[in-house]
PDB file of all heavy atoms in Angstrom:
ATOM      1  N   GLY A   1      82.234  28.797  48.357  1.00  0.00           N
ATOM      2  CA  GLY A   1      81.460  29.642  49.246  1.00  0.00           C
ATOM      3  C   GLY A   1      80.928  30.860  48.508  1.00  0.00           C
ATOM      4  O   GLY A   1      81.129  31.020  47.294  1.00  0.00           O
ATOM      5  N   ALA A   2      80.272  31.741  49.243  1.00  0.00           N
ATOM      6  CA  ALA A   2      79.697  32.949  48.636  1.00  0.00           C
ATOM      7  C   ALA A   2      80.774  33.849  48.045  1.00  0.00           C
ATOM      8  O   ALA A   2      80.513  34.610  47.098  1.00  0.00           O
ATOM      9  CB  ALA A   2      78.882  33.705  49.677  1.00  0.00           C
ATOM     10  N   ASP A   3      81.995  33.757  48.572  1.00  0.00           N
ATOM     11  CA  ASP A   3      83.097  34.589  48.073  1.00  0.00           C
ATOM     12  C   ASP A   3      83.799  33.960  46.873  1.00  0.00           C
ATOM     13  O   ASP A   3      84.791  34.510  46.368  1.00  0.00           O
ATOM     14  CB  ASP A   3      84.108  34.841  49.188  1.00  0.00           C
ATOM     15  CG  ASP A   3      84.691  33.547  49.778  1.00  0.00           C
ATOM     16  OD1 ASP A   3      84.306  32.447  49.308  1.00  0.00           O
ATOM     17  OD2 ASP A   3      85.527  33.634  50.702  1.00  0.00           O
ATOM     18  N   GLY A   4      83.313  32.814  46.413  1.00  0.00           N
ATOM     19  CA  GLY A   4      83.929  32.160  45.264  1.00  0.00           C
ATOM     20  C   GLY A   4      85.123  31.305  45.611  1.00  0.00           C
ATOM     21  O   GLY A   4      85.695  30.648  44.734  1.00  0.00           O
ATOM     22  N   GLN A   5      85.516  31.275  46.887  1.00  0.00           N
ATOM     23  CA  GLN A   5      86.646  30.458  47.328  1.00  0.00           C
ATOM     24  C   GLN A   5      86.146  29.084  47.773  1.00  0.00           C
ATOM     25  O   GLN A   5      84.963  28.906  48.071  1.00  0.00           O
ATOM     26  CB  GLN A   5      87.371  31.149  48.486  1.00  0.00           C
ATOM     27  CG  GLN A   5      87.909  32.532  48.137  1.00  0.00           C
ATOM     28  CD  GLN A   5      88.896  32.499  46.995  1.00  0.00           C
ATOM     29  OE1 GLN A   5      89.857  31.726  47.019  1.00  0.00           O
ATOM     30  NE2 GLN A   5      88.686  33.332  45.983  1.00  0.00           N
ATOM     31  N   LYS A   6      87.071  28.115  47.824  1.00  0.00           N
ATOM     32  CA  LYS A   6      86.659  26.767  48.211  1.00  0.00           C
ATOM     33  C   LYS A   6      86.061  26.782  49.613  1.00  0.00           C
ATOM     34  O   LYS A   6      86.590  27.411  50.531  1.00  0.00           O
ATOM     35  CB  LYS A   6      87.824  25.803  48.110  1.00  0.00           C
ATOM     36  CG  LYS A   6      89.057  26.141  48.944  1.00  0.00           C
ATOM     37  CD  LYS A   6      90.201  25.193  48.604  1.00  0.00           C
ATOM     38  CE  LYS A   6      91.459  25.506  49.412  1.00  0.00           C
ATOM     39  NZ  LYS A   6      92.590  24.645  49.041  1.00  0.00           N
ATOM     40  N   ALA A   7      84.944  26.069  49.752  1.00  0.00           N
ATOM     41  CA  ALA A   7      84.220  26.082  51.017  1.00  0.00           C
ATOM     42  C   ALA A   7      84.901  25.253  52.091  1.00  0.00           C
ATOM     43  O   ALA A   7      84.757  25.530  53.285  1.00  0.00           O
ATOM     44  CB  ALA A   7      82.792  25.582  50.801  1.00  0.00           C
ATOM     45  N   HIS A   8      85.635  24.215  51.684  1.00  0.00           N
ATOM     46  CA  HIS A   8      86.305  23.326  52.637  1.00  0.00           C
ATOM     47  C   HIS A   8      87.712  23.058  52.124  1.00  0.00           C
ATOM     48  O   HIS A   8      87.904  22.728  50.951  1.00  0.00           O
ATOM     49  CB  HIS A   8      85.526  22.015  52.765  1.00  0.00           C
ATOM     50  CG  HIS A   8      85.933  21.177  53.934  1.00  0.00           C
ATOM     51  ND1 HIS A   8      87.135  20.509  54.002  1.00  0.00           N
ATOM     52  CD2 HIS A   8      85.286  20.898  55.104  1.00  0.00           C
ATOM     53  CE1 HIS A   8      87.221  19.852  55.145  1.00  0.00           C
ATOM     54  NE2 HIS A   8      86.117  20.057  55.838  1.00  0.00           N
ATOM     55  N   PRO A   9      88.725  23.165  52.983  1.00  0.00           N
ATOM     56  CA  PRO A   9      90.106  23.047  52.502  1.00  0.00           C
ATOM     57  C   PRO A   9      90.521  21.645  52.097  1.00  0.00           C
ATOM     58  O   PRO A   9      91.477  21.478  51.336  1.00  0.00           O
ATOM     59  CB  PRO A   9      90.933  23.540  53.690  1.00  0.00           C
ATOM     60  CG  PRO A   9      90.072  23.248  54.884  1.00  0.00           C
ATOM     61  CD  PRO A   9      88.666  23.487  54.417  1.00  0.00           C
ATOM     62  N   THR A  10      89.835  20.612  52.606  1.00  0.00           N
ATOM     63  CA  THR A  10      90.278  19.237  52.329  1.00  0.00           C
ATOM     64  C   THR A  10      89.154  18.386  51.736  1.00  0.00           C
ATOM     65  O   THR A  10      89.046  17.196  52.029  1.00  0.00           O
ATOM     66  CB  THR A  10      90.825  18.560  53.602  1.00  0.00           C
ATOM     67  OG1 THR A  10      89.771  18.450  54.575  1.00  0.00           O
ATOM     68  CG2 THR A  10      91.982  19.341  54.187  1.00  0.00           C
ATOM     69  N   GLN A  11      88.317  18.994  50.894  1.00  0.00           N
ATOM     70  CA  GLN A  11      87.235  18.228  50.259  1.00  0.00           C
ATOM     71  C   GLN A  11      87.811  17.089  49.428  1.00  0.00           C
ATOM     72  O   GLN A  11      88.699  17.281  48.603  1.00  0.00           O
ATOM     73  CB  GLN A  11      86.400  19.154  49.364  1.00  0.00           C
ATOM     74  CG  GLN A  11      85.260  18.448  48.650  1.00  0.00           C
ATOM     75  CD  GLN A  11      84.507  19.381  47.704  1.00  0.00           C
ATOM     76  OE1 GLN A  11      84.566  20.607  47.825  1.00  0.00           O
ATOM     77  NE2 GLN A  11      83.811  18.802  46.731  1.00  0.00           N
ATOM     78  N   LYS A  12      87.308  15.893  49.649  1.00  0.00           N
ATOM     79  CA  LYS A  12      87.795  14.719  48.928  1.00  0.00           C
ATOM     80  C   LYS A  12      87.017  14.535  47.617  1.00  0.00           C
ATOM     81  O   LYS A  12      85.850  14.904  47.516  1.00  0.00           O
ATOM     82  CB  LYS A  12      87.640  13.456  49.786  1.00  0.00           C
ATOM     83  CG  LYS A  12      88.480  13.482  51.053  1.00  0.00           C
ATOM     84  CD  LYS A  12      89.961  13.644  50.754  1.00  0.00           C
ATOM     85  CE  LYS A  12      90.821  13.621  52.000  1.00  0.00           C
ATOM     86  NZ  LYS A  12      90.704  14.850  52.819  1.00  0.00           N
ATOM     87  N   PRO A  13      87.665  13.965  46.602  1.00  0.00           N
ATOM     88  CA  PRO A  13      86.966  13.715  45.332  1.00  0.00           C
ATOM     89  C   PRO A  13      85.885  12.651  45.503  1.00  0.00           C
ATOM     90  O   PRO A  13      86.093  11.655  46.209  1.00  0.00           O
ATOM     91  CB  PRO A  13      88.082  13.240  44.399  1.00  0.00           C
ATOM     92  CG  PRO A  13      89.128  12.682  45.313  1.00  0.00           C
ATOM     93  CD  PRO A  13      89.072  13.510  46.559  1.00  0.00           C
ATOM     94  N   GLU A  14      84.750  12.862  44.873  1.00  0.00           N
ATOM     95  CA  GLU A  14      83.662  11.903  45.004  1.00  0.00           C
ATOM     96  C   GLU A  14      84.053  10.543  44.425  1.00  0.00           C
ATOM     97  O   GLU A  14      83.569   9.504  44.880  1.00  0.00           O
ATOM     98  CB  GLU A  14      82.402  12.431  44.313  1.00  0.00           C
ATOM     99  CG  GLU A  14      81.162  11.642  44.664  1.00  0.00           C
ATOM    100  CD  GLU A  14      79.882  12.312  44.210  1.00  0.00           C
ATOM    101  OE1 GLU A  14      79.818  13.553  44.213  1.00  0.00           O
ATOM    102  OE2 GLU A  14      78.930  11.573  43.846  1.00  0.00           O
ATOM    103  N   ALA A  15      84.951  10.527  43.431  1.00  0.00           N
ATOM    104  CA  ALA A  15      85.395   9.248  42.851  1.00  0.00           C
ATOM    105  C   ALA A  15      86.047   8.355  43.904  1.00  0.00           C
ATOM    106  O   ALA A  15      85.927   7.126  43.859  1.00  0.00           O
ATOM    107  CB  ALA A  15      86.367   9.500  41.706  1.00  0.00           C
ATOM    108  N   LEU A  16      86.752   8.960  44.852  1.00  0.00           N
ATOM    109  CA  LEU A  16      87.404   8.186  45.919  1.00  0.00           C
ATOM    110  C   LEU A  16      86.350   7.523  46.797  1.00  0.00           C
ATOM    111  O   LEU A  16      86.442   6.321  47.112  1.00  0.00           O
ATOM    112  CB  LEU A  16      88.294   9.100  46.750  1.00  0.00           C
ATOM    113  CG  LEU A  16      89.075   8.446  47.890  1.00  0.00           C
ATOM    114  CD1 LEU A  16      90.137   7.503  47.346  1.00  0.00           C
ATOM    115  CD2 LEU A  16      89.720   9.501  48.783  1.00  0.00           C
ATOM    116  N   LEU A  17      85.324   8.276  47.184  1.00  0.00           N
ATOM    117  CA  LEU A  17      84.268   7.707  48.036  1.00  0.00           C
ATOM    118  C   LEU A  17      83.417   6.710  47.265  1.00  0.00           C
ATOM    119  O   LEU A  17      82.943   5.712  47.836  1.00  0.00           O
ATOM    120  CB  LEU A  17      83.408   8.831  48.588  1.00  0.00           C
ATOM    121  CG  LEU A  17      83.851   9.436  49.929  1.00  0.00           C
ATOM    122  CD1 LEU A  17      83.808   8.384  51.037  1.00  0.00           C
ATOM    123  CD2 LEU A  17      85.245  10.029  49.857  1.00  0.00           C
ATOM    124  N   TYR A  18      83.222   6.955  45.996  1.00  0.00           N
ATOM    125  CA  TYR A  18      82.466   6.005  45.151  1.00  0.00           C
ATOM    126  C   TYR A  18      83.140   4.636  45.203  1.00  0.00           C
ATOM    127  O   TYR A  18      82.485   3.613  45.388  1.00  0.00           O
ATOM    128  CB  TYR A  18      82.430   6.537  43.719  1.00  0.00           C
ATOM    129  CG  TYR A  18      81.563   5.758  42.762  1.00  0.00           C
ATOM    130  CD1 TYR A  18      80.293   6.201  42.416  1.00  0.00           C
ATOM    131  CD2 TYR A  18      82.017   4.586  42.159  1.00  0.00           C
ATOM    132  CE1 TYR A  18      79.489   5.499  41.514  1.00  0.00           C
ATOM    133  CE2 TYR A  18      81.234   3.866  41.271  1.00  0.00           C
ATOM    134  CZ  TYR A  18      79.969   4.336  40.941  1.00  0.00           C
ATOM    135  OH  TYR A  18      79.191   3.633  40.054  1.00  0.00           O
ATOM    136  N   ARG A  19      84.458   4.614  45.068  1.00  0.00           N
ATOM    137  CA  ARG A  19      85.173   3.336  45.071  1.00  0.00           C
ATOM    138  C   ARG A  19      85.129   2.674  46.443  1.00  0.00           C
ATOM    139  O   ARG A  19      84.951   1.455  46.551  1.00  0.00           O
ATOM    140  CB  ARG A  19      86.625   3.533  44.622  1.00  0.00           C
ATOM    141  CG  ARG A  19      87.365   2.223  44.448  1.00  0.00           C
ATOM    142  CD  ARG A  19      88.754   2.413  43.864  1.00  0.00           C
ATOM    143  NE  ARG A  19      88.718   2.944  42.504  1.00  0.00           N
ATOM    144  CZ  ARG A  19      89.802   3.175  41.765  1.00  0.00           C
ATOM    145  NH1 ARG A  19      91.009   2.917  42.264  1.00  0.00           N
ATOM    146  NH2 ARG A  19      89.690   3.658  40.540  1.00  0.00           N
ATOM    147  N   VAL A  20      85.298   3.446  47.494  1.00  0.00           N
ATOM    148  CA  VAL A  20      85.223   2.905  48.850  1.00  0.00           C
ATOM    149  C   VAL A  20      83.860   2.262  49.106  1.00  0.00           C
ATOM    150  O   VAL A  20      83.757   1.138  49.600  1.00  0.00           O
ATOM    151  CB  VAL A  20      85.494   4.020  49.888  1.00  0.00           C
ATOM    152  CG1 VAL A  20      85.071   3.581  51.288  1.00  0.00           C
ATOM    153  CG2 VAL A  20      86.959   4.419  49.890  1.00  0.00           C
ATOM    154  N   ILE A  21      82.802   2.986  48.737  1.00  0.00           N
ATOM    155  CA  ILE A  21      81.440   2.507  49.014  1.00  0.00           C
ATOM    156  C   ILE A  21      81.093   1.324  48.120  1.00  0.00           C
ATOM    157  O   ILE A  21      80.498   0.338  48.579  1.00  0.00           O
ATOM    158  CB  ILE A  21      80.439   3.665  48.826  1.00  0.00           C
ATOM    159  CG1 ILE A  21      80.649   4.710  49.933  1.00  0.00           C
ATOM    160  CG2 ILE A  21      79.003   3.162  48.833  1.00  0.00           C
ATOM    161  CD1 ILE A  21      79.881   5.995  49.726  1.00  0.00           C
ATOM    162  N   LEU A  22      81.456   1.396  46.840  1.00  0.00           N
ATOM    163  CA  LEU A  22      81.173   0.294  45.930  1.00  0.00           C
ATOM    164  C   LEU A  22      81.869  -0.987  46.381  1.00  0.00           C
ATOM    165  O   LEU A  22      81.329  -2.079  46.259  1.00  0.00           O
ATOM    166  CB  LEU A  22      81.616   0.656  44.511  1.00  0.00           C
ATOM    167  CG  LEU A  22      81.260  -0.353  43.414  1.00  0.00           C
ATOM    168  CD1 LEU A  22      79.756  -0.355  43.162  1.00  0.00           C
ATOM    169  CD2 LEU A  22      82.014  -0.033  42.124  1.00  0.00           C
ATOM    170  N   SER A  23      83.063  -0.848  46.927  1.00  0.00           N
ATOM    171  CA  SER A  23      83.869  -2.025  47.259  1.00  0.00           C
ATOM    172  C   SER A  23      83.480  -2.675  48.570  1.00  0.00           C
ATOM    173  O   SER A  23      83.650  -3.892  48.726  1.00  0.00           O
ATOM    174  CB  SER A  23      85.355  -1.654  47.290  1.00  0.00           C
ATOM    175  OG  SER A  23      85.616  -0.692  48.293  1.00  0.00           O
ATOM    176  N   THR A  24      82.944  -1.916  49.523  1.00  0.00           N
ATOM    177  CA  THR A  24      82.804  -2.464  50.875  1.00  0.00           C
ATOM    178  C   THR A  24      81.419  -2.280  51.493  1.00  0.00           C
ATOM    179  O   THR A  24      81.280  -2.379  52.722  1.00  0.00           O
ATOM    180  CB  THR A  24      83.877  -1.862  51.808  1.00  0.00           C
ATOM    181  OG1 THR A  24      83.814  -0.425  51.748  1.00  0.00           O
ATOM    182  CG2 THR A  24      85.271  -2.314  51.397  1.00  0.00           C
ATOM    183  N   THR A  25      80.400  -2.016  50.669  1.00  0.00           N
ATOM    184  CA  THR A  25      79.029  -1.970  51.182  1.00  0.00           C
ATOM    185  C   THR A  25      78.081  -2.606  50.180  1.00  0.00           C
ATOM    186  O   THR A  25      78.443  -2.859  49.027  1.00  0.00           O
ATOM    187  CB  THR A  25      78.547  -0.531  51.448  1.00  0.00           C
ATOM    188  OG1 THR A  25      78.498   0.194  50.211  1.00  0.00           O
ATOM    189  CG2 THR A  25      79.432   0.190  52.434  1.00  0.00           C
ATOM    190  N   LYS A  26      76.853  -2.816  50.624  1.00  0.00           N
ATOM    191  CA  LYS A  26      75.771  -3.312  49.781  1.00  0.00           C
ATOM    192  C   LYS A  26      74.668  -2.260  49.732  1.00  0.00           C
ATOM    193  O   LYS A  26      74.546  -1.447  50.662  1.00  0.00           O
ATOM    194  CB  LYS A  26      75.216  -4.629  50.333  1.00  0.00           C
ATOM    195  CG  LYS A  26      76.240  -5.740  50.454  1.00  0.00           C
ATOM    196  CD  LYS A  26      75.634  -7.033  50.978  1.00  0.00           C
ATOM    197  CE  LYS A  26      75.215  -6.924  52.423  1.00  0.00           C
ATOM    198  NZ  LYS A  26      76.326  -6.811  53.372  1.00  0.00           N
ATOM    199  N   PRO A  27      73.845  -2.252  48.693  1.00  0.00           N
ATOM    200  CA  PRO A  27      72.715  -1.315  48.658  1.00  0.00           C
ATOM    201  C   PRO A  27      71.876  -1.432  49.923  1.00  0.00           C
ATOM    202  O   PRO A  27      71.602  -2.529  50.409  1.00  0.00           O
ATOM    203  CB  PRO A  27      71.928  -1.760  47.419  1.00  0.00           C
ATOM    204  CG  PRO A  27      72.965  -2.351  46.517  1.00  0.00           C
ATOM    205  CD  PRO A  27      73.927  -3.054  47.444  1.00  0.00           C
ATOM    206  N   GLY A  28      71.506  -0.267  50.474  1.00  0.00           N
ATOM    207  CA  GLY A  28      70.716  -0.252  51.698  1.00  0.00           C
ATOM    208  C   GLY A  28      71.525  -0.215  52.970  1.00  0.00           C
ATOM    209  O   GLY A  28      70.976   0.033  54.053  1.00  0.00           O
ATOM    210  N   ASP A  29      72.841  -0.447  52.900  1.00  0.00           N
ATOM    211  CA  ASP A  29      73.691  -0.370  54.085  1.00  0.00           C
ATOM    212  C   ASP A  29      73.710   1.051  54.639  1.00  0.00           C
ATOM    213  O   ASP A  29      73.497   2.027  53.914  1.00  0.00           O
ATOM    214  CB  ASP A  29      75.126  -0.794  53.755  1.00  0.00           C
ATOM    215  CG  ASP A  29      75.310  -2.306  53.749  1.00  0.00           C
ATOM    216  OD1 ASP A  29      74.343  -3.023  54.051  1.00  0.00           O
ATOM    217  OD2 ASP A  29      76.425  -2.759  53.421  1.00  0.00           O
ATOM    218  N   VAL A  30      74.012   1.162  55.937  1.00  0.00           N
ATOM    219  CA  VAL A  30      74.124   2.457  56.605  1.00  0.00           C
ATOM    220  C   VAL A  30      75.594   2.826  56.736  1.00  0.00           C
ATOM    221  O   VAL A  30      76.389   2.071  57.309  1.00  0.00           O
ATOM    222  CB  VAL A  30      73.476   2.416  58.005  1.00  0.00           C
ATOM    223  CG1 VAL A  30      73.642   3.764  58.708  1.00  0.00           C
ATOM    224  CG2 VAL A  30      71.992   2.059  57.898  1.00  0.00           C
ATOM    225  N   ILE A  31      75.961   3.989  56.202  1.00  0.00           N
ATOM    226  CA  ILE A  31      77.344   4.480  56.234  1.00  0.00           C
ATOM    227  C   ILE A  31      77.399   5.694  57.159  1.00  0.00           C
ATOM    228  O   ILE A  31      76.608   6.630  57.007  1.00  0.00           O
ATOM    229  CB  ILE A  31      77.826   4.865  54.826  1.00  0.00           C
ATOM    230  CG1 ILE A  31      77.746   3.657  53.884  1.00  0.00           C
ATOM    231  CG2 ILE A  31      79.250   5.408  54.872  1.00  0.00           C
ATOM    232  CD1 ILE A  31      77.948   4.010  52.427  1.00  0.00           C
ATOM    233  N   LEU A  32      78.319   5.685  58.081  1.00  0.00           N
ATOM    234  CA  LEU A  32      78.505   6.799  59.004  1.00  0.00           C
ATOM    235  C   LEU A  32      79.780   7.556  58.653  1.00  0.00           C
ATOM    236  O   LEU A  32      80.842   6.952  58.492  1.00  0.00           O
ATOM    237  CB  LEU A  32      78.600   6.276  60.441  1.00  0.00           C
ATOM    238  CG  LEU A  32      79.091   7.269  61.504  1.00  0.00           C
ATOM    239  CD1 LEU A  32      78.101   8.412  61.683  1.00  0.00           C
ATOM    240  CD2 LEU A  32      79.341   6.557  62.835  1.00  0.00           C
ATOM    241  N   ASP A  33      79.659   8.875  58.541  1.00  0.00           N
ATOM    242  CA  ASP A  33      80.827   9.744  58.366  1.00  0.00           C
ATOM    243  C   ASP A  33      80.831  10.733  59.521  1.00  0.00           C
ATOM    244  O   ASP A  33      80.024  11.665  59.554  1.00  0.00           O
ATOM    245  CB  ASP A  33      80.755  10.489  57.027  1.00  0.00           C
ATOM    246  CG  ASP A  33      82.019  11.296  56.749  1.00  0.00           C
ATOM    247  OD1 ASP A  33      82.716  11.647  57.719  1.00  0.00           O
ATOM    248  OD2 ASP A  33      82.293  11.594  55.577  1.00  0.00           O
ATOM    249  N   PRO A  34      81.725  10.549  60.505  1.00  0.00           N
ATOM    250  CA  PRO A  34      81.724  11.427  61.681  1.00  0.00           C
ATOM    251  C   PRO A  34      82.379  12.783  61.446  1.00  0.00           C
ATOM    252  O   PRO A  34      82.317  13.642  62.328  1.00  0.00           O
ATOM    253  CB  PRO A  34      82.490  10.611  62.715  1.00  0.00           C
ATOM    254  CG  PRO A  34      83.384   9.724  61.915  1.00  0.00           C
ATOM    255  CD  PRO A  34      82.667   9.430  60.637  1.00  0.00           C
ATOM    256  N   PHE A  35      83.019  12.967  60.295  1.00  0.00           N
ATOM    257  CA  PHE A  35      83.639  14.244  59.927  1.00  0.00           C
ATOM    258  C   PHE A  35      83.106  14.616  58.544  1.00  0.00           C
ATOM    259  O   PHE A  35      83.831  14.582  57.549  1.00  0.00           O
ATOM    260  CB  PHE A  35      85.167  14.116  59.932  1.00  0.00           C
ATOM    261  CG  PHE A  35      85.724  13.573  61.228  1.00  0.00           C
ATOM    262  CD1 PHE A  35      86.024  12.225  61.369  1.00  0.00           C
ATOM    263  CD2 PHE A  35      85.929  14.411  62.317  1.00  0.00           C
ATOM    264  CE1 PHE A  35      86.529  11.713  62.552  1.00  0.00           C
ATOM    265  CE2 PHE A  35      86.430  13.908  63.519  1.00  0.00           C
ATOM    266  CZ  PHE A  35      86.732  12.558  63.643  1.00  0.00           C
ATOM    267  N   PHE A  36      81.846  14.971  58.485  1.00  0.00           N
ATOM    268  CA  PHE A  36      81.080  15.007  57.245  1.00  0.00           C
ATOM    269  C   PHE A  36      81.524  16.102  56.284  1.00  0.00           C
ATOM    270  O   PHE A  36      81.401  15.959  55.069  1.00  0.00           O
ATOM    271  CB  PHE A  36      79.597  15.185  57.599  1.00  0.00           C
ATOM    272  CG  PHE A  36      78.642  14.763  56.529  1.00  0.00           C
ATOM    273  CD1 PHE A  36      78.704  13.503  55.952  1.00  0.00           C
ATOM    274  CD2 PHE A  36      77.635  15.624  56.104  1.00  0.00           C
ATOM    275  CE1 PHE A  36      77.798  13.104  54.989  1.00  0.00           C
ATOM    276  CE2 PHE A  36      76.727  15.242  55.134  1.00  0.00           C
ATOM    277  CZ  PHE A  36      76.799  13.980  54.580  1.00  0.00           C
TER     278      PHE A  36
END
């Protein structure tokens, strides 16, 4: 954030989402994240 502190307390690593998406979707698929 503007104060230099983490903007979100539970931000997940992008590597985790990369693996989830690579494993269970195809290019062009629609992914919904209700807690963005």
